C-alpha cells in the first residue's frame, strides 16, 4: 500500500523519475518499522523541501537503525544498504531522528541516477 501511495503522489506531482526508487525506499523503511517496531501504528510522510523530496517513516522503533553487511546468501538484511545506495544515487542522504523512532531519506528532485 505504501508503494502505491508514494507512486501515485509522485506521478501527480510530476516526479515520475523518482517513482521506482522512492517506492523501494518507502517499502524498506516501512518493513523495518513493522519488523523492529514496538508500537501498533506507523506513519509515513512525503514532503518537498526545497529541491529535495523527503520520505519519512515513523514507528515506535527503539534505538537507531544501522546499515548491516548481510552475508551473500542471506535473504534479508540489506534494506538500509539499499536505502543508502539509492539516496546517494539521487544526491540525497538518510538518517534517523535522535530517538530513533523516525527514519528518513532525502532525494534530490532534479538528479538522475
N, C-alpha and C. Protein backbone atom coordinates (compact mmCIF):
# COMPACT_ATOMS: atom_id res chain seq x y z
N UNK A 1 0.82 -1.19 0.00
CA UNK A 1 0.00 0.00 0.00
C UNK A 1 0.88 1.26 0.00
N UNK A 2 1.96 1.24 0.78
CA UNK A 2 2.85 2.40 0.84
C UNK A 2 3.48 2.68 -0.52
N UNK A 3 3.88 1.63 -1.21
CA UNK A 3 4.47 1.81 -2.54
C UNK A 3 3.48 2.47 -3.50
N UNK A 4 2.25 2.00 -3.50
CA UNK A 4 1.23 2.56 -4.40
C UNK A 4 0.94 4.01 -4.07
N UNK A 5 0.85 4.33 -2.79
CA UNK A 5 0.58 5.69 -2.36
C UNK A 5 1.68 6.64 -2.81
N UNK A 6 2.92 6.27 -2.58
CA UNK A 6 4.06 7.11 -2.98
C UNK A 6 4.09 7.26 -4.50
N UNK A 7 3.92 6.17 -5.22
CA UNK A 7 3.98 6.22 -6.69
C UNK A 7 2.89 7.14 -7.24
N UNK A 8 1.69 7.00 -6.74
CA UNK A 8 0.58 7.83 -7.21
C UNK A 8 0.85 9.30 -6.93
N UNK A 9 1.30 9.60 -5.74
CA UNK A 9 1.54 11.01 -5.37
C UNK A 9 2.69 11.61 -6.17
N UNK A 10 3.76 10.86 -6.36
CA UNK A 10 4.89 11.37 -7.14
C UNK A 10 4.49 11.63 -8.59
N UNK A 11 3.71 10.73 -9.16
CA UNK A 11 3.24 10.94 -10.54
C UNK A 11 2.37 12.20 -10.62
N UNK A 12 1.51 12.37 -9.63
CA UNK A 12 0.64 13.55 -9.58
C UNK A 12 1.47 14.84 -9.50
N UNK A 13 2.60 14.77 -8.81
CA UNK A 13 3.47 15.95 -8.64
C UNK A 13 4.46 16.12 -9.79
N UNK A 14 4.40 15.24 -10.80
CA UNK A 14 5.32 15.35 -11.93
C UNK A 14 6.72 14.84 -11.64
N UNK A 15 6.85 13.98 -10.66
CA UNK A 15 8.16 13.45 -10.27
C UNK A 15 8.29 11.97 -10.64
N UNK A 16 7.88 11.62 -11.84
CA UNK A 16 7.89 10.23 -12.30
C UNK A 16 9.27 9.60 -12.21
N UNK A 17 10.32 10.39 -12.43
CA UNK A 17 11.68 9.85 -12.41
C UNK A 17 12.06 9.25 -11.06
N UNK A 18 11.38 9.64 -10.00
CA UNK A 18 11.71 9.14 -8.67
C UNK A 18 10.82 7.99 -8.21
N UNK A 19 9.81 7.65 -8.99
CA UNK A 19 8.80 6.68 -8.53
C UNK A 19 9.40 5.36 -8.10
N UNK A 20 10.16 4.70 -8.95
CA UNK A 20 10.66 3.36 -8.62
C UNK A 20 11.55 3.36 -7.39
N UNK A 21 12.51 4.28 -7.35
CA UNK A 21 13.44 4.30 -6.22
C UNK A 21 12.76 4.74 -4.93
N UNK A 22 11.89 5.73 -5.01
CA UNK A 22 11.18 6.19 -3.81
C UNK A 22 10.27 5.09 -3.27
N UNK A 23 9.62 4.35 -4.16
CA UNK A 23 8.75 3.26 -3.73
C UNK A 23 9.55 2.16 -3.03
N UNK A 24 10.72 1.85 -3.55
CA UNK A 24 11.56 0.85 -2.90
C UNK A 24 12.06 1.34 -1.54
N UNK A 25 12.45 2.59 -1.46
CA UNK A 25 12.91 3.16 -0.19
C UNK A 25 11.80 3.11 0.85
N UNK A 26 10.62 3.56 0.49
CA UNK A 26 9.50 3.55 1.43
C UNK A 26 9.17 2.12 1.87
N UNK A 27 9.21 1.20 0.93
CA UNK A 27 8.95 -0.19 1.26
C UNK A 27 9.94 -0.71 2.30
N UNK A 28 11.20 -0.39 2.12
CA UNK A 28 12.23 -0.83 3.08
C UNK A 28 12.05 -0.17 4.44
N UNK A 29 11.75 1.12 4.46
CA UNK A 29 11.58 1.82 5.73
C UNK A 29 10.35 1.34 6.49
N UNK A 30 9.26 1.12 5.76
CA UNK A 30 8.04 0.60 6.40
C UNK A 30 8.28 -0.82 6.91
N UNK A 31 8.95 -1.63 6.13
CA UNK A 31 9.26 -3.01 6.56
C UNK A 31 10.08 -2.99 7.85
N UNK A 32 11.07 -2.13 7.92
CA UNK A 32 11.88 -2.02 9.15
C UNK A 32 11.01 -1.63 10.33
N UNK A 33 10.11 -0.67 10.12
CA UNK A 33 9.24 -0.22 11.21
C UNK A 33 8.33 -1.36 11.68
N UNK A 34 7.85 -2.16 10.74
CA UNK A 34 6.99 -3.29 11.11
C UNK A 34 7.78 -4.37 11.84
N UNK A 35 8.93 -4.72 11.30
CA UNK A 35 9.72 -5.81 11.86
C UNK A 35 10.36 -5.48 13.20
N UNK A 36 10.77 -4.23 13.37
CA UNK A 36 11.55 -3.88 14.56
C UNK A 36 10.82 -2.96 15.53
N UNK A 37 9.62 -2.54 15.16
CA UNK A 37 8.89 -1.59 15.99
C UNK A 37 8.16 -2.23 17.15
N UNK A 38 7.93 -1.42 18.16
CA UNK A 38 7.19 -1.87 19.34
C UNK A 38 5.74 -1.39 19.33
N UNK A 39 5.43 -0.42 18.50
CA UNK A 39 4.09 0.16 18.51
C UNK A 39 3.16 -0.53 17.55
N UNK A 40 1.94 -0.03 17.50
CA UNK A 40 0.95 -0.61 16.60
C UNK A 40 0.52 0.38 15.51
N UNK A 41 1.29 1.46 15.36
CA UNK A 41 0.96 2.44 14.33
C UNK A 41 2.24 2.91 13.65
N UNK A 42 2.17 3.03 12.33
CA UNK A 42 3.29 3.54 11.53
C UNK A 42 2.77 4.70 10.71
N UNK A 43 3.53 5.77 10.66
CA UNK A 43 3.16 6.95 9.90
C UNK A 43 4.21 7.20 8.83
N UNK A 44 3.76 7.46 7.61
CA UNK A 44 4.66 7.75 6.51
C UNK A 44 4.35 9.16 6.01
N UNK A 45 5.40 9.94 5.77
CA UNK A 45 5.20 11.28 5.21
C UNK A 45 6.10 11.46 4.00
N UNK A 46 5.65 12.30 3.10
CA UNK A 46 6.39 12.67 1.91
C UNK A 46 6.27 14.18 1.78
N UNK A 47 7.38 14.88 1.78
CA UNK A 47 7.35 16.33 1.66
C UNK A 47 8.43 16.80 0.69
N UNK A 48 8.16 17.92 0.03
CA UNK A 48 9.18 18.57 -0.78
C UNK A 48 9.77 19.70 0.06
N UNK A 49 11.07 19.66 0.24
CA UNK A 49 11.78 20.68 1.00
C UNK A 49 12.85 21.26 0.09
N UNK A 50 12.56 22.41 -0.47
CA UNK A 50 13.48 23.00 -1.44
C UNK A 50 13.56 22.10 -2.67
N UNK A 51 14.76 21.67 -3.02
CA UNK A 51 14.94 20.80 -4.18
C UNK A 51 15.08 19.33 -3.78
N UNK A 52 14.60 18.98 -2.58
CA UNK A 52 14.68 17.61 -2.10
C UNK A 52 13.31 17.05 -1.75
N UNK A 53 13.12 15.80 -2.10
CA UNK A 53 11.98 15.03 -1.66
C UNK A 53 12.40 14.35 -0.35
N UNK A 54 11.59 14.51 0.69
CA UNK A 54 11.89 13.86 1.98
C UNK A 54 10.83 12.82 2.26
N UNK A 55 11.28 11.59 2.44
CA UNK A 55 10.43 10.48 2.79
C UNK A 55 10.74 10.11 4.23
N UNK A 56 9.73 9.96 5.05
CA UNK A 56 9.97 9.62 6.46
C UNK A 56 8.96 8.59 6.91
N UNK A 57 9.43 7.66 7.73
CA UNK A 57 8.56 6.64 8.32
C UNK A 57 8.77 6.68 9.82
N UNK A 58 7.66 6.88 10.53
CA UNK A 58 7.70 6.95 11.99
C UNK A 58 7.04 5.69 12.55
N UNK A 59 7.74 5.03 13.42
CA UNK A 59 7.23 3.87 14.13
C UNK A 59 7.83 3.88 15.52
N UNK A 60 7.37 3.06 16.37
CA UNK A 60 7.91 3.03 17.73
C UNK A 60 9.10 2.08 17.80
N UNK A 61 10.11 2.37 17.02
CA UNK A 61 11.30 1.53 16.96
C UNK A 61 12.35 2.06 17.94
N UNK A 62 12.71 1.26 18.92
CA UNK A 62 13.72 1.73 19.88
C UNK A 62 15.12 1.69 19.26
N UNK A 63 15.94 2.66 19.59
CA UNK A 63 17.31 2.69 19.09
C UNK A 63 17.39 3.18 17.66
N UNK A 64 18.60 3.30 17.19
CA UNK A 64 18.83 3.80 15.85
C UNK A 64 19.19 2.66 14.90
N UNK A 65 18.58 2.63 13.74
CA UNK A 65 18.93 1.58 12.77
C UNK A 65 20.31 1.83 12.18
N UNK A 66 20.95 0.77 11.77
CA UNK A 66 22.27 0.87 11.15
C UNK A 66 22.31 -0.01 9.91
N UNK A 67 23.14 0.37 8.98
CA UNK A 67 23.35 -0.43 7.78
C UNK A 67 24.17 -1.65 8.17
N UNK A 68 23.66 -2.83 7.80
CA UNK A 68 24.38 -4.07 8.09
C UNK A 68 24.99 -4.63 6.83
N UNK A 69 26.01 -5.42 6.99
CA UNK A 69 26.57 -6.15 5.86
C UNK A 69 26.03 -7.57 5.95
N UNK A 70 25.07 -7.86 5.11
CA UNK A 70 24.43 -9.18 5.11
C UNK A 70 25.32 -10.18 4.36
N UNK A 71 25.33 -11.41 4.84
CA UNK A 71 26.06 -12.45 4.08
C UNK A 71 25.48 -12.58 2.67
N UNK A 72 26.32 -13.00 1.73
CA UNK A 72 25.88 -13.10 0.34
C UNK A 72 24.66 -13.98 0.15
N UNK A 73 24.51 -15.02 0.96
CA UNK A 73 23.39 -15.93 0.78
C UNK A 73 22.18 -15.58 1.65
N UNK A 74 22.25 -14.46 2.36
CA UNK A 74 21.13 -14.05 3.23
C UNK A 74 19.95 -13.58 2.39
N UNK A 75 18.74 -13.87 2.86
CA UNK A 75 17.53 -13.45 2.16
C UNK A 75 17.00 -12.12 2.69
N UNK A 76 17.61 -11.58 3.72
CA UNK A 76 17.19 -10.29 4.27
C UNK A 76 18.42 -9.59 4.85
N UNK A 77 18.22 -8.35 5.31
CA UNK A 77 19.31 -7.63 5.94
C UNK A 77 19.98 -6.58 5.08
N UNK A 78 19.42 -6.31 3.91
CA UNK A 78 20.03 -5.32 3.00
C UNK A 78 19.20 -4.06 2.84
N UNK A 79 18.13 -3.93 3.58
CA UNK A 79 17.19 -2.82 3.40
C UNK A 79 17.83 -1.45 3.52
N UNK A 80 18.52 -1.19 4.62
CA UNK A 80 19.12 0.13 4.80
C UNK A 80 20.32 0.34 3.88
N UNK A 81 20.98 -0.74 3.49
CA UNK A 81 22.03 -0.63 2.48
C UNK A 81 21.44 -0.12 1.18
N UNK A 82 20.29 -0.67 0.79
CA UNK A 82 19.61 -0.21 -0.43
C UNK A 82 19.17 1.25 -0.30
N UNK A 83 18.61 1.61 0.85
CA UNK A 83 18.20 2.99 1.09
C UNK A 83 19.41 3.93 0.95
N UNK A 84 20.53 3.55 1.55
CA UNK A 84 21.74 4.36 1.49
C UNK A 84 22.22 4.52 0.04
N UNK A 85 22.25 3.44 -0.70
CA UNK A 85 22.71 3.49 -2.10
C UNK A 85 21.78 4.33 -2.98
N UNK A 86 20.49 4.14 -2.82
CA UNK A 86 19.53 4.90 -3.63
C UNK A 86 19.54 6.38 -3.29
N UNK A 87 19.64 6.69 -2.02
CA UNK A 87 19.72 8.09 -1.62
C UNK A 87 20.96 8.75 -2.22
N UNK A 88 22.10 8.08 -2.11
CA UNK A 88 23.34 8.62 -2.66
C UNK A 88 23.25 8.79 -4.18
N UNK A 89 22.62 7.84 -4.86
CA UNK A 89 22.48 7.93 -6.32
C UNK A 89 21.64 9.12 -6.74
N UNK A 90 20.77 9.58 -5.84
CA UNK A 90 19.91 10.73 -6.13
C UNK A 90 20.38 11.99 -5.43
N UNK A 91 21.64 12.02 -5.00
CA UNK A 91 22.18 13.22 -4.38
C UNK A 91 21.60 13.52 -3.02
N UNK A 92 21.11 12.51 -2.34
CA UNK A 92 20.49 12.70 -1.02
C UNK A 92 21.21 11.92 0.06
N UNK A 93 20.51 11.73 1.15
CA UNK A 93 21.06 11.02 2.29
C UNK A 93 19.92 10.40 3.07
N UNK A 94 20.24 9.73 4.16
CA UNK A 94 19.22 9.16 5.04
C UNK A 94 19.72 9.25 6.47
N UNK A 95 18.80 9.08 7.40
CA UNK A 95 19.17 9.12 8.81
C UNK A 95 17.97 8.84 9.68
N UNK A 96 18.15 9.09 10.96
CA UNK A 96 17.07 8.90 11.92
C UNK A 96 16.99 10.12 12.82
N UNK A 97 15.81 10.33 13.37
CA UNK A 97 15.70 11.34 14.40
C UNK A 97 16.46 10.83 15.62
N UNK A 98 16.78 11.71 16.52
CA UNK A 98 17.65 11.38 17.64
C UNK A 98 17.15 10.19 18.47
N UNK A 99 15.85 10.07 18.66
CA UNK A 99 15.33 8.97 19.47
C UNK A 99 15.14 7.69 18.67
N UNK A 100 15.39 7.71 17.38
CA UNK A 100 15.33 6.53 16.55
C UNK A 100 13.95 6.12 16.08
N UNK A 101 12.91 6.87 16.43
CA UNK A 101 11.56 6.45 16.06
C UNK A 101 11.17 6.83 14.64
N UNK A 102 11.90 7.74 14.02
CA UNK A 102 11.62 8.14 12.64
C UNK A 102 12.88 7.97 11.81
N UNK A 103 12.75 7.24 10.72
CA UNK A 103 13.85 7.09 9.76
C UNK A 103 13.43 7.84 8.51
N UNK A 104 14.34 8.62 7.96
CA UNK A 104 14.02 9.47 6.82
C UNK A 104 15.07 9.32 5.72
N UNK A 105 14.70 9.80 4.55
CA UNK A 105 15.58 9.75 3.39
C UNK A 105 15.28 10.97 2.53
N UNK A 106 16.30 11.57 1.95
CA UNK A 106 16.08 12.66 1.02
C UNK A 106 16.62 12.29 -0.35
N UNK A 107 15.93 12.76 -1.37
CA UNK A 107 16.34 12.54 -2.76
C UNK A 107 16.25 13.89 -3.46
N UNK A 108 17.29 14.25 -4.19
CA UNK A 108 17.22 15.48 -4.98
C UNK A 108 16.21 15.27 -6.10
N UNK A 109 15.31 16.21 -6.27
CA UNK A 109 14.24 16.03 -7.26
C UNK A 109 14.74 16.21 -8.69
N UNK A 110 15.87 16.82 -8.88
CA UNK A 110 16.37 17.04 -10.24
C UNK A 110 17.55 16.15 -10.58
N UNK A 111 17.86 15.16 -9.74
CA UNK A 111 19.00 14.28 -10.01
C UNK A 111 18.59 13.13 -10.92
N UNK A 112 19.55 12.53 -11.54
CA UNK A 112 19.31 11.35 -12.38
C UNK A 112 20.27 10.26 -11.91
N UNK A 113 19.71 9.09 -11.53
CA UNK A 113 20.60 8.00 -11.08
C UNK A 113 21.44 7.46 -12.21
